[in-house]
Amino acid sequence: MTKNALTLDYRSGCQGEVFLPGSKSIANRALLLSALAEGTTVLENMLDSNDTQHMRAALRALGIEVIDRVSTQEGGARTETVVVGGGGLFNAPTTSNEQPLALFLGNAGTAMRPLTAALAASQGEFLLHGEPRMHERPIGPLIDALRQLGAEIDYPEQDGYPPLQIHGRALTGGQVRIDGSLSSQFISALLMVLPLLPQRSEVVLTGTIVSAPYIALTVAMMRHFGAQVEWPEPHRFVIAGGQVYRSPQQYWIEGDASSASYFLAAAAIAGGTITVHGVGTESLQGDKEFAKVLAQMGAEVDYQPRSIAVSRGVQPLRGGDFDLNEIPDAAMTIATTALFAKGPTAIRNIYNWRLKETDRLHAMATELQKVGAEITELEDAIIITPPLEIQHAEIATYDDHRMAMCFALLAFTPAGVTILDPDCCRKTYPHFFQDFLALCRLPQNP
């Protein structure tokens, strides 16, 4: 066994409440919009994790004042971040040796993609790079779209992949076509920069749109910061030029709906009721729909404006056939929940799992087989037939936080589970296992 590993022995049930950490997707968007806005913004319930730390460090390197402080909120102490906006696009600080400003972004796609678009329209020379896995994650469709606007971006290593050499220059706007079938982050990154260009822009999406709720989230946040965005058709956006983002003064970062999935699935599997606070019917995040999938599998679900509660149903969970293209991160939790269901479960239209922190489709297939499941791995789908008895296994996490968290659910099988490198959760939820185990109960002695 690897030294850095966590063994979860059998837990017989769960019960309680969880105050979710802020959403990574919302936090990094809010940080960038605040930096581009006029005025000072207080971001409440800021997620303090690797990905948001990379974004905050990059903004500071770009000359933006970013102040972190701790506040007391319901559920305990929380980080809030004060961002003094620059009132527009960036100007790279002059380096002593006239080298490009190098920004290291780890494996944070929610920092790499939006900053690429913003810096392409800013003044200065920039080098964006990250961890080895980030250099394996494609970014070509976004670069192609930005080049249609006149951006100058080079690939120092492999075409279509970071690192990126960005020669910032004034972009004017215009019509852009972008492939929407690989990552919604490409579209979100493009949309966020367009209001700041002088001319009107029209964005046309090609291909099948993946993770559409994340695009809707971006548009809602842009509007909250004062931008006018027209969305007359599902595949077309119209954005007036010459706009200015304006600080809303305070912005509350919702709890992470993807992280909610582990606790809600735990209640559906093990009994008891778990309530997650910070995400509900008012949430902007598409992953709030995860609980509806649990309901289709037989769980009892109660939605409130800012909370969701789940309990185990009267009958055992049952498998199903689900298209989860719109909730790809939370879909991973369905894959491990399927081990506790009667009958096979098919999760379809999830090709973009392969483009995440790891090739999640292959990784999930590999690790589920370790515990005895029968797996069919397709190009954009996975079919899971649970074993008669789940076996103990050492689960490799591939430095992917969501692999670690979704396999925590195997603590509800008598075999238990060992999670290798649980510290990878620092990407979005550093205290996940502490919070998870606090809600679980050990079996009583006979």
Protein backbone atom coordinates (compact mmCIF):
# COMPACT_ATOMS: atom_id res chain seq x y z
CA MET A 1 0.00 0.00 0.00
CA THR A 2 1.24 3.53 -0.74
CA LYS A 3 2.25 5.55 2.27
CA ASN A 4 -0.23 8.32 1.43
CA ALA A 5 -3.44 6.31 1.56
CA LEU A 6 -6.69 6.31 3.51
CA THR A 7 -8.58 3.14 4.42
CA LEU A 8 -12.27 3.60 5.10
CA ASP A 9 -13.70 0.76 7.15
CA TYR A 10 -17.35 -0.19 6.97
CA ARG A 11 -19.87 2.48 7.93
CA SER A 12 -23.43 1.37 8.53
CA GLY A 13 -25.25 4.63 7.88
CA CYS A 14 -25.11 8.41 7.76
CA GLN A 15 -27.05 11.38 9.04
CA GLY A 16 -26.62 15.13 9.32
CA GLU A 17 -26.05 18.45 7.60
CA VAL A 18 -23.26 19.74 5.37
CA PHE A 19 -22.37 23.36 4.66
CA LEU A 20 -20.75 23.06 1.27
CA PRO A 21 -17.56 24.86 0.27
CA GLY A 22 -17.97 27.38 -2.53
CA SER A 23 -18.23 26.18 -6.10
CA LYS A 24 -14.92 26.10 -7.98
CA SER A 25 -16.65 26.97 -11.25
CA ILE A 26 -18.39 30.00 -9.77
CA ALA A 27 -15.43 31.09 -7.64
CA ASN A 28 -12.96 31.35 -10.51
CA ARG A 29 -15.48 33.06 -12.78
CA ALA A 30 -16.32 35.51 -9.99
CA LEU A 31 -12.64 36.24 -9.36
CA LEU A 32 -12.02 37.07 -13.00
CA LEU A 33 -15.19 39.14 -13.45
CA SER A 34 -14.39 41.07 -10.26
CA ALA A 35 -10.87 41.75 -11.51
CA LEU A 36 -12.21 43.08 -14.84
CA ALA A 37 -14.95 45.16 -13.20
CA GLU A 38 -15.10 48.73 -12.01
CA GLY A 39 -15.25 48.89 -8.23
CA THR A 40 -14.46 46.59 -5.32
CA THR A 41 -16.22 43.23 -4.88
CA VAL A 42 -16.45 41.13 -1.72
CA LEU A 43 -16.75 37.46 -2.73
CA GLU A 44 -18.45 35.60 0.10
CA ASN A 45 -18.01 31.87 0.76
CA MET A 46 -14.84 31.79 -1.33
CA LEU A 47 -13.49 28.30 -1.97
CA ASP A 48 -9.93 28.01 -0.67
CA SER A 49 -8.45 25.27 -2.82
CA ASN A 50 -5.64 24.70 -5.31
CA ASP A 51 -7.64 25.88 -8.31
CA THR A 52 -8.80 29.13 -6.74
CA GLN A 53 -5.36 29.76 -5.31
CA HIS A 54 -3.92 29.56 -8.84
CA MET A 55 -6.47 32.09 -10.11
CA ARG A 56 -5.87 34.48 -7.20
CA ALA A 57 -2.10 34.25 -7.63
CA ALA A 58 -2.42 34.95 -11.36
CA LEU A 59 -4.61 38.01 -10.78
CA ARG A 60 -2.13 39.37 -8.24
CA ALA A 61 0.69 38.87 -10.74
CA LEU A 62 -1.39 40.88 -13.22
CA GLY A 63 -1.52 43.79 -10.79
CA ILE A 64 -4.97 43.20 -9.26
CA GLU A 65 -5.35 43.68 -5.51
CA VAL A 66 -6.80 40.47 -4.08
CA ILE A 67 -7.23 40.26 -0.30
CA ASP A 68 -8.28 37.07 1.50
CA ARG A 69 -9.84 37.22 4.93
CA VAL A 70 -11.81 34.93 7.21
CA SER A 71 -15.40 35.61 8.20
CA THR A 72 -17.76 33.74 10.50
CA GLN A 73 -20.79 32.38 8.68
CA GLU A 74 -23.42 29.75 9.35
CA GLY A 75 -21.63 26.42 9.45
CA GLY A 76 -18.32 27.85 10.69
CA ALA A 77 -15.52 30.10 9.51
CA ARG A 78 -15.38 30.84 5.81
CA THR A 79 -12.91 32.59 3.53
CA GLU A 80 -14.06 35.71 1.74
CA THR A 81 -12.02 37.51 -0.88
CA VAL A 82 -11.95 41.21 -1.64
CA VAL A 83 -11.05 42.08 -5.24
CA VAL A 84 -10.26 45.65 -6.25
CA GLY A 85 -11.26 45.67 -9.90
CA GLY A 86 -9.06 47.10 -12.61
CA GLY A 87 -11.97 48.48 -14.62
CA GLY A 88 -11.11 46.65 -17.84
CA LEU A 89 -8.59 44.35 -19.47
CA PHE A 90 -5.10 43.80 -18.11
CA ASN A 91 -1.75 45.46 -18.73
CA ALA A 92 1.15 43.12 -18.06
CA PRO A 93 3.62 44.46 -15.50
CA THR A 94 6.98 45.17 -17.12
CA THR A 95 9.57 42.50 -16.37
CA SER A 96 13.21 43.46 -15.84
CA ASN A 97 14.48 41.12 -18.57
CA GLU A 98 11.60 41.77 -21.00
CA GLN A 99 10.46 38.18 -20.73
CA PRO A 100 6.74 37.30 -20.94
CA LEU A 101 4.82 37.28 -17.69
CA ALA A 102 4.69 33.56 -16.77
CA LEU A 103 1.57 32.39 -14.98
CA PHE A 104 1.52 28.86 -13.55
CA LEU A 105 -2.06 27.57 -13.34
CA GLY A 106 -1.59 24.01 -12.09
CA ASN A 107 -4.35 21.80 -13.47
CA ALA A 108 -7.05 24.45 -13.14
CA GLY A 109 -9.05 24.50 -16.36
CA THR A 110 -11.34 27.16 -14.85
CA ALA A 111 -8.28 29.42 -14.66
CA MET A 112 -6.41 28.44 -17.84
CA ARG A 113 -9.29 28.85 -20.30
CA PRO A 114 -10.82 32.19 -19.13
CA LEU A 115 -7.41 33.80 -18.59
CA THR A 116 -6.36 32.76 -22.09
CA ALA A 117 -9.24 34.74 -23.58
CA ALA A 118 -8.83 37.75 -21.31
CA LEU A 119 -5.07 38.00 -21.85
CA ALA A 120 -5.37 37.62 -25.63
CA ALA A 121 -7.26 40.95 -25.60
CA SER A 122 -4.99 42.58 -22.99
CA GLN A 123 -1.69 44.41 -23.39
CA GLY A 124 1.54 42.48 -22.83
CA GLU A 125 3.34 39.21 -23.38
CA PHE A 126 2.18 36.19 -21.38
CA LEU A 127 3.16 32.56 -20.93
CA LEU A 128 0.46 30.31 -19.49
CA HIS A 129 1.57 26.90 -18.28
CA GLY A 130 0.64 24.28 -15.71
CA GLU A 131 1.11 20.77 -14.47
CA PRO A 132 1.89 17.96 -16.96
CA ARG A 133 -1.78 16.92 -17.13
CA MET A 134 -2.81 20.47 -18.06
CA HIS A 135 -0.45 20.23 -21.02
CA GLU A 136 -2.39 17.15 -22.15
CA ARG A 137 -5.80 18.87 -22.03
CA PRO A 138 -6.83 20.34 -25.41
CA ILE A 139 -7.45 24.05 -25.81
CA GLY A 140 -7.35 24.31 -29.61
CA PRO A 141 -11.04 25.21 -30.20
CA LEU A 142 -10.71 28.25 -27.93
CA ILE A 143 -7.48 29.39 -29.60
CA ASP A 144 -9.06 28.96 -33.05
CA ALA A 145 -12.00 31.13 -31.96
CA LEU A 146 -9.76 33.84 -30.53
CA ARG A 147 -7.66 33.88 -33.70
CA GLN A 148 -10.85 34.67 -35.64
CA LEU A 149 -10.91 37.90 -33.63
CA GLY A 150 -7.26 38.63 -34.44
CA ALA A 151 -5.57 37.12 -31.39
CA GLU A 152 -1.89 36.15 -31.59
CA ILE A 153 -1.29 32.95 -29.63
CA ASP A 154 1.48 30.41 -30.17
CA TYR A 155 1.98 26.85 -28.96
CA PRO A 156 5.60 26.55 -27.69
CA GLU A 157 5.32 22.75 -27.45
CA GLN A 158 2.38 20.86 -29.00
CA ASP A 159 -0.23 22.41 -31.29
CA GLY A 160 -3.62 22.58 -29.64
CA TYR A 161 -2.34 22.23 -26.07
CA PRO A 162 -0.79 24.41 -23.34
CA PRO A 163 1.64 25.92 -22.63
CA LEU A 164 0.56 29.04 -24.49
CA GLN A 165 2.56 32.07 -25.61
CA ILE A 166 0.09 34.96 -25.77
CA HIS A 167 0.98 38.20 -27.52
CA GLY A 168 -1.73 40.44 -26.07
CA ARG A 169 -3.25 42.98 -28.41
CA ALA A 170 -6.41 45.01 -28.85
CA LEU A 171 -9.16 42.84 -30.33
CA THR A 172 -12.18 44.48 -31.90
CA GLY A 173 -14.97 41.89 -31.90
CA GLY A 174 -16.90 40.34 -34.76
CA GLN A 175 -18.41 36.99 -35.66
CA VAL A 176 -16.88 33.85 -34.15
CA ARG A 177 -17.61 30.18 -34.68
CA ILE A 178 -16.53 27.78 -31.94
CA ASP A 179 -16.90 24.03 -31.46
CA GLY A 180 -19.18 23.42 -28.50
CA SER A 181 -18.74 19.65 -28.36
CA LEU A 182 -15.56 19.35 -26.26
CA SER A 183 -15.77 21.75 -23.32
CA SER A 184 -18.21 24.42 -22.22
CA GLN A 185 -15.25 26.22 -20.65
CA PHE A 186 -14.06 27.27 -24.11
CA ILE A 187 -17.39 29.00 -24.74
CA SER A 188 -17.54 30.55 -21.27
CA ALA A 189 -14.01 31.92 -21.64
CA LEU A 190 -14.84 33.52 -24.98
CA LEU A 191 -18.13 35.00 -23.79
CA MET A 192 -16.61 36.67 -20.72
CA VAL A 193 -14.13 38.75 -22.73
CA LEU A 194 -16.44 39.86 -25.55
CA PRO A 195 -18.33 42.69 -23.74
CA LEU A 196 -14.99 44.46 -23.22
CA LEU A 197 -14.17 44.58 -26.94
CA PRO A 198 -15.14 47.75 -28.81
CA GLN A 199 -17.41 46.20 -31.43
CA ARG A 200 -20.48 43.95 -31.37
CA SER A 201 -19.76 40.22 -31.40
CA GLU A 202 -21.80 37.23 -32.50
CA VAL A 203 -20.88 33.74 -31.33
CA VAL A 204 -22.12 30.69 -33.23
CA LEU A 205 -21.68 27.30 -31.61
CA THR A 206 -21.05 24.28 -33.81
CA GLY A 207 -21.44 20.62 -32.94
CA THR A 208 -23.36 19.17 -30.01
CA ILE A 209 -23.13 21.47 -27.00
CA VAL A 210 -21.65 19.79 -23.94
CA SER A 211 -22.38 20.84 -20.33
CA ALA A 212 -24.85 23.53 -21.43
CA PRO A 213 -25.81 24.49 -17.84
CA TYR A 214 -22.26 25.75 -17.29
CA ILE A 215 -22.70 28.16 -20.21
CA ALA A 216 -25.99 29.36 -18.70
CA LEU A 217 -24.16 29.85 -15.39
CA THR A 218 -21.55 32.02 -17.13
CA VAL A 219 -24.19 34.16 -18.86
CA ALA A 220 -26.07 34.64 -15.57
CA MET A 221 -22.89 35.76 -13.81
CA MET A 222 -21.94 38.15 -16.63
CA ARG A 223 -25.37 39.75 -16.36
CA HIS A 224 -24.99 40.01 -12.59
CA PHE A 225 -21.81 42.02 -13.20
CA GLY A 226 -23.69 44.35 -15.54
CA ALA A 227 -23.04 42.91 -19.01
CA GLN A 228 -25.75 42.68 -21.65
CA VAL A 229 -25.82 39.26 -23.31
CA GLU A 230 -28.42 38.21 -25.86
CA TRP A 231 -29.04 34.48 -26.31
CA PRO A 232 -31.70 34.37 -29.02
CA GLU A 233 -31.05 30.77 -30.07
CA PRO A 234 -29.41 27.79 -28.33
CA HIS A 235 -26.39 27.98 -30.67
CA ARG A 236 -26.05 31.75 -30.97
CA PHE A 237 -25.09 34.66 -28.72
CA VAL A 238 -25.03 38.39 -29.50
CA ILE A 239 -22.95 40.68 -27.29
CA ALA A 240 -22.71 44.46 -27.68
CA GLY A 241 -19.22 45.93 -27.62
CA GLY A 242 -17.88 48.76 -25.50
CA GLN A 243 -19.42 47.47 -22.28
CA VAL A 244 -18.04 47.72 -18.76
CA TYR A 245 -18.35 45.16 -15.98
CA ARG A 246 -19.50 46.80 -12.74
CA SER A 247 -19.02 45.38 -9.28
CA PRO A 248 -22.18 44.19 -7.52
CA GLN A 249 -20.25 45.06 -4.31
CA GLN A 250 -20.99 41.67 -2.77
CA TYR A 251 -21.34 38.31 -4.47
CA TRP A 252 -22.22 35.07 -2.68
CA ILE A 253 -20.53 32.00 -4.13
CA GLU A 254 -22.92 29.07 -4.05
CA GLY A 255 -21.91 25.79 -2.49
CA ASP A 256 -20.37 23.36 -4.94
CA ALA A 257 -23.18 21.28 -6.40
CA SER A 258 -20.78 18.60 -7.65
CA SER A 259 -19.44 18.16 -4.11
CA ALA A 260 -23.00 17.90 -2.84
CA SER A 261 -23.43 14.74 -4.89
CA TYR A 262 -21.24 12.58 -2.61
CA PHE A 263 -23.24 13.38 0.51
CA LEU A 264 -26.61 13.04 -1.20
CA ALA A 265 -25.61 9.69 -2.69
CA ALA A 266 -24.41 8.56 0.76
CA ALA A 267 -27.91 9.11 2.16
CA ALA A 268 -29.52 7.31 -0.78
CA ILE A 269 -27.23 4.32 -0.25
CA ALA A 270 -26.86 4.04 3.52
CA GLY A 271 -30.04 5.43 5.00
CA GLY A 272 -30.57 8.38 7.28
CA THR A 273 -31.16 11.85 5.89
CA ILE A 274 -28.45 14.24 4.77
CA THR A 275 -29.12 17.89 4.02
CA VAL A 276 -26.61 19.90 2.02
CA HIS A 277 -26.70 23.68 2.39
CA GLY A 278 -25.52 26.10 -0.26
CA VAL A 279 -27.23 24.65 -3.32
CA GLY A 280 -30.92 24.21 -4.12
CA THR A 281 -33.65 25.28 -6.52
CA GLU A 282 -32.20 28.82 -6.73
CA SER A 283 -28.77 27.48 -7.73
CA LEU A 284 -27.18 28.51 -11.02
CA GLN A 285 -25.37 25.17 -11.27
CA GLY A 286 -26.63 22.39 -13.47
CA ASP A 287 -25.36 19.75 -11.03
CA LYS A 288 -28.28 20.54 -8.73
CA GLU A 289 -30.14 18.12 -11.04
CA PHE A 290 -28.05 15.25 -9.65
CA ALA A 291 -30.59 14.62 -6.90
CA LYS A 292 -33.28 14.05 -9.55
CA VAL A 293 -31.20 11.16 -10.89
CA LEU A 294 -31.09 9.72 -7.37
CA ALA A 295 -34.88 10.05 -7.24
CA GLN A 296 -35.15 8.08 -10.49
CA MET A 297 -33.04 5.39 -8.82
CA GLY A 298 -35.43 5.28 -5.87
CA ALA A 299 -34.21 7.83 -3.32
CA GLU A 300 -36.43 10.39 -1.60
CA VAL A 301 -35.48 13.99 -2.41
CA ASP A 302 -36.58 17.33 -0.96
CA TYR A 303 -35.51 20.54 -2.73
CA GLN A 304 -35.46 23.93 -0.99
CA PRO A 305 -34.19 27.25 -2.43
CA ARG A 306 -30.69 26.85 -0.93
CA SER A 307 -30.62 23.26 0.27
CA ILE A 308 -31.32 19.70 -0.83
CA ALA A 309 -32.14 16.76 1.46
CA VAL A 310 -31.98 13.10 0.46
CA SER A 311 -33.11 9.94 2.27
CA ARG A 312 -33.02 6.31 1.28
CA GLY A 313 -36.21 5.13 -0.39
CA VAL A 314 -38.46 2.33 0.79
CA GLN A 315 -37.19 0.04 -1.96
CA PRO A 316 -33.52 -0.63 -2.80
CA LEU A 317 -31.87 1.59 -5.38
CA ARG A 318 -32.33 0.44 -8.95
CA GLY A 319 -30.13 0.95 -11.98
CA GLY A 320 -31.16 2.84 -15.07
CA ASP A 321 -30.12 4.32 -18.38
CA PHE A 322 -29.13 7.98 -18.05
CA ASP A 323 -27.92 10.68 -20.44
CA LEU A 324 -25.80 12.82 -18.10
CA ASN A 325 -24.14 15.10 -20.62
CA GLU A 326 -25.32 18.18 -18.73
CA ILE A 327 -23.92 17.10 -15.33
CA PRO A 328 -20.64 15.34 -16.19
CA ASP A 329 -18.87 15.93 -12.85
CA ALA A 330 -21.75 14.70 -10.71
CA ALA A 331 -22.28 11.83 -13.14
CA MET A 332 -19.15 10.23 -11.71
CA THR A 333 -20.99 9.82 -8.40
CA ILE A 334 -23.75 7.90 -10.18
CA ALA A 335 -21.07 5.48 -11.38
CA THR A 336 -20.14 4.49 -7.82
CA THR A 337 -23.74 4.68 -6.58
CA ALA A 338 -24.55 2.11 -9.27
CA LEU A 339 -22.56 -0.47 -7.31
CA PHE A 340 -25.35 -0.41 -4.69
CA ALA A 341 -28.24 -0.59 -7.17
CA LYS A 342 -30.19 -3.55 -8.50
CA GLY A 343 -29.47 -4.17 -12.16
CA PRO A 344 -27.07 -2.45 -14.56
CA THR A 345 -26.65 1.30 -14.90
CA ALA A 346 -25.70 3.01 -18.17
CA ILE A 347 -24.26 6.53 -18.12
CA ARG A 348 -24.23 8.01 -21.61
CA ASN A 349 -23.10 11.06 -23.58
CA ILE A 350 -20.08 11.69 -21.34
CA TYR A 351 -17.22 11.84 -23.84
CA ASN A 352 -15.85 14.95 -22.14
CA TRP A 353 -14.93 12.78 -19.10
CA ARG A 354 -11.89 11.93 -21.22
CA LEU A 355 -10.75 15.59 -21.29
CA LYS A 356 -10.86 16.30 -17.58
CA GLU A 357 -8.18 16.08 -14.88
CA THR A 358 -7.59 12.56 -16.16
CA ASP A 359 -9.32 10.35 -18.73
CA ARG A 360 -12.14 9.80 -16.29
CA LEU A 361 -13.99 7.32 -18.44
CA HIS A 362 -11.08 4.92 -18.60
CA ALA A 363 -10.07 5.59 -15.00
CA MET A 364 -13.58 4.90 -13.72
CA ALA A 365 -13.84 1.69 -15.74
CA THR A 366 -10.48 0.49 -14.40
CA GLU A 367 -11.24 1.19 -10.73
CA LEU A 368 -14.80 -0.17 -10.80
CA GLN A 369 -13.47 -3.46 -12.15
CA LYS A 370 -11.15 -3.70 -9.13
CA VAL A 371 -14.15 -3.99 -6.78
CA GLY A 372 -15.74 -6.74 -8.91
CA ALA A 373 -18.11 -4.82 -11.17
CA GLU A 374 -18.66 -5.88 -14.77
CA ILE A 375 -17.85 -2.88 -16.94
CA THR A 376 -18.43 -1.97 -20.56
CA GLU A 377 -16.41 1.09 -21.54
CA LEU A 378 -17.56 2.85 -24.70
CA GLU A 379 -16.20 5.96 -26.40
CA ASP A 380 -18.75 8.19 -24.68
CA ALA A 381 -20.50 5.92 -22.18
CA ILE A 382 -20.01 3.39 -19.41
CA ILE A 383 -22.26 0.49 -18.43
CA ILE A 384 -21.91 -0.83 -14.88
CA THR A 385 -23.24 -4.15 -13.65
CA PRO A 386 -22.70 -4.39 -9.89
CA PRO A 387 -21.12 -7.51 -8.38
CA LEU A 388 -22.97 -9.78 -6.01
CA GLU A 389 -20.46 -8.75 -3.36
CA ILE A 390 -18.27 -5.66 -3.55
CA GLN A 391 -14.62 -6.44 -2.93
CA HIS A 392 -12.09 -4.33 -1.06
CA ALA A 393 -9.70 -2.55 -3.39
CA GLU A 394 -7.00 0.09 -3.41
CA ILE A 395 -8.46 2.82 -5.59
CA ALA A 396 -6.02 4.84 -7.67
CA THR A 397 -7.10 8.48 -7.89
CA TYR A 398 -4.98 9.66 -10.87
CA ASP A 399 -4.45 12.99 -9.06
CA ASP A 400 -8.15 13.61 -9.73
CA HIS A 401 -10.17 14.94 -6.81
CA ARG A 402 -13.47 13.56 -8.05
CA MET A 403 -12.12 10.03 -8.37
CA ALA A 404 -11.13 10.16 -4.70
CA MET A 405 -14.41 11.60 -3.48
CA CYS A 406 -16.85 9.41 -5.40
CA PHE A 407 -15.13 6.19 -4.29
CA ALA A 408 -15.58 7.23 -0.65
CA LEU A 409 -19.08 5.78 -1.03
CA LEU A 410 -17.57 2.30 -0.85
CA ALA A 411 -17.26 2.87 2.89
CA PHE A 412 -20.89 1.68 2.98
CA THR A 413 -19.95 -1.83 1.89
CA PRO A 414 -18.64 -4.35 4.45
CA ALA A 415 -15.42 -4.70 2.48
CA GLY A 416 -14.55 -1.02 2.92
CA VAL A 417 -12.14 0.72 0.57
CA THR A 418 -8.65 2.18 0.45
CA ILE A 419 -8.22 5.52 -1.32
CA LEU A 420 -4.73 6.18 -2.65
CA ASP A 421 -3.62 9.82 -2.50
CA PRO A 422 -6.72 11.29 -0.82
CA ASP A 423 -4.88 14.62 -0.67
CA CYS A 424 -5.76 15.22 -4.33
CA CYS A 425 -9.05 16.59 -2.94
CA ARG A 426 -7.16 19.80 -2.16
CA LYS A 427 -8.02 20.84 -5.73
CA THR A 428 -11.58 21.73 -4.73
CA TYR A 429 -12.44 20.34 -1.27
CA PRO A 430 -9.41 20.01 1.05
CA HIS A 431 -11.48 18.83 4.04
CA PHE A 432 -13.76 16.42 2.20
CA PHE A 433 -12.91 13.21 4.05
CA GLN A 434 -13.14 14.94 7.41
CA ASP A 435 -16.63 16.21 6.58
CA PHE A 436 -17.70 12.90 5.02
CA LEU A 437 -16.64 10.74 7.95
CA ALA A 438 -18.25 13.13 10.45
CA LEU A 439 -21.64 12.18 8.99
CA CYS A 440 -21.03 8.42 8.91
CA ARG A 441 -21.73 6.03 11.74
CA LEU A 442 -19.78 2.92 12.60
CA PRO A 443 -21.65 -0.36 13.01
CA GLN A 444 -22.69 -1.07 16.60
CA ASN A 445 -21.08 -3.98 18.39
CA PRO A 446 -23.39 -7.01 18.67
